[in-house]
Amino acid sequence: MQTGNLRLYADAQYSSPYAMSVFVALEVAMLHKIWLACYF
C-alpha cells in the first residue's frame, strides 16, 4: 500500500489545513476501495 508515500508527499506539499484534509480524504477513499475490493 502506498499510504506512506502519500504521507511523505503530503508533508512535502501541503501548505494549508485544507490541502491536508484533501490528502486525508484521498487516503480514506483509497482504503475504502481496497476494503470493497477485498470483501465484495
Protein backbone atom coordinates (compact mmCIF):
# COMPACT_ATOMS: atom_id res chain seq x y z
CA MET A 1 0.00 0.00 0.00
CA GLN A 2 1.22 3.50 -0.74
CA THR A 3 -0.12 5.24 2.36
CA GLY A 4 3.41 6.07 3.49
CA ASN A 5 4.24 7.62 0.12
CA LEU A 6 1.09 9.73 0.25
CA ARG A 7 2.01 10.95 3.72
CA LEU A 8 5.50 11.89 2.60
CA TYR A 9 4.10 13.70 -0.42
CA ALA A 10 1.56 15.50 1.74
CA ASP A 11 4.24 16.54 4.22
CA ALA A 12 6.32 17.94 1.37
CA GLN A 13 3.47 19.64 -0.49
CA TYR A 14 0.71 20.82 1.80
CA SER A 15 0.60 24.46 2.79
CA SER A 16 -2.80 24.67 4.50
CA PRO A 17 -5.16 22.54 6.61
CA TYR A 18 -7.47 22.39 3.59
CA ALA A 19 -4.80 20.73 1.45
CA MET A 20 -4.04 18.29 4.25
CA SER A 21 -7.70 17.34 4.62
CA VAL A 22 -7.84 16.65 0.88
CA PHE A 23 -4.96 14.20 1.23
CA VAL A 24 -6.64 12.53 4.20
CA ALA A 25 -9.86 12.22 2.22
CA LEU A 26 -7.99 10.62 -0.69
CA GLU A 27 -6.30 8.20 1.68
CA VAL A 28 -9.63 7.20 3.22
CA ALA A 29 -11.20 6.78 -0.21
CA MET A 30 -8.36 4.50 -1.29
CA LEU A 31 -8.64 2.42 1.86
CA HIS A 32 -12.37 2.05 1.26
CA LYS A 33 -11.73 0.97 -2.33
CA ILE A 34 -9.29 -1.66 -1.10
CA TRP A 35 -11.76 -2.91 1.52
CA LEU A 36 -14.56 -3.11 -1.03
CA ALA A 37 -12.32 -4.93 -3.49
CA CYS A 38 -11.33 -7.42 -0.78
CA TYR A 39 -14.78 -8.14 0.60
CA PHE A 40 -17.16 -7.86 -2.34
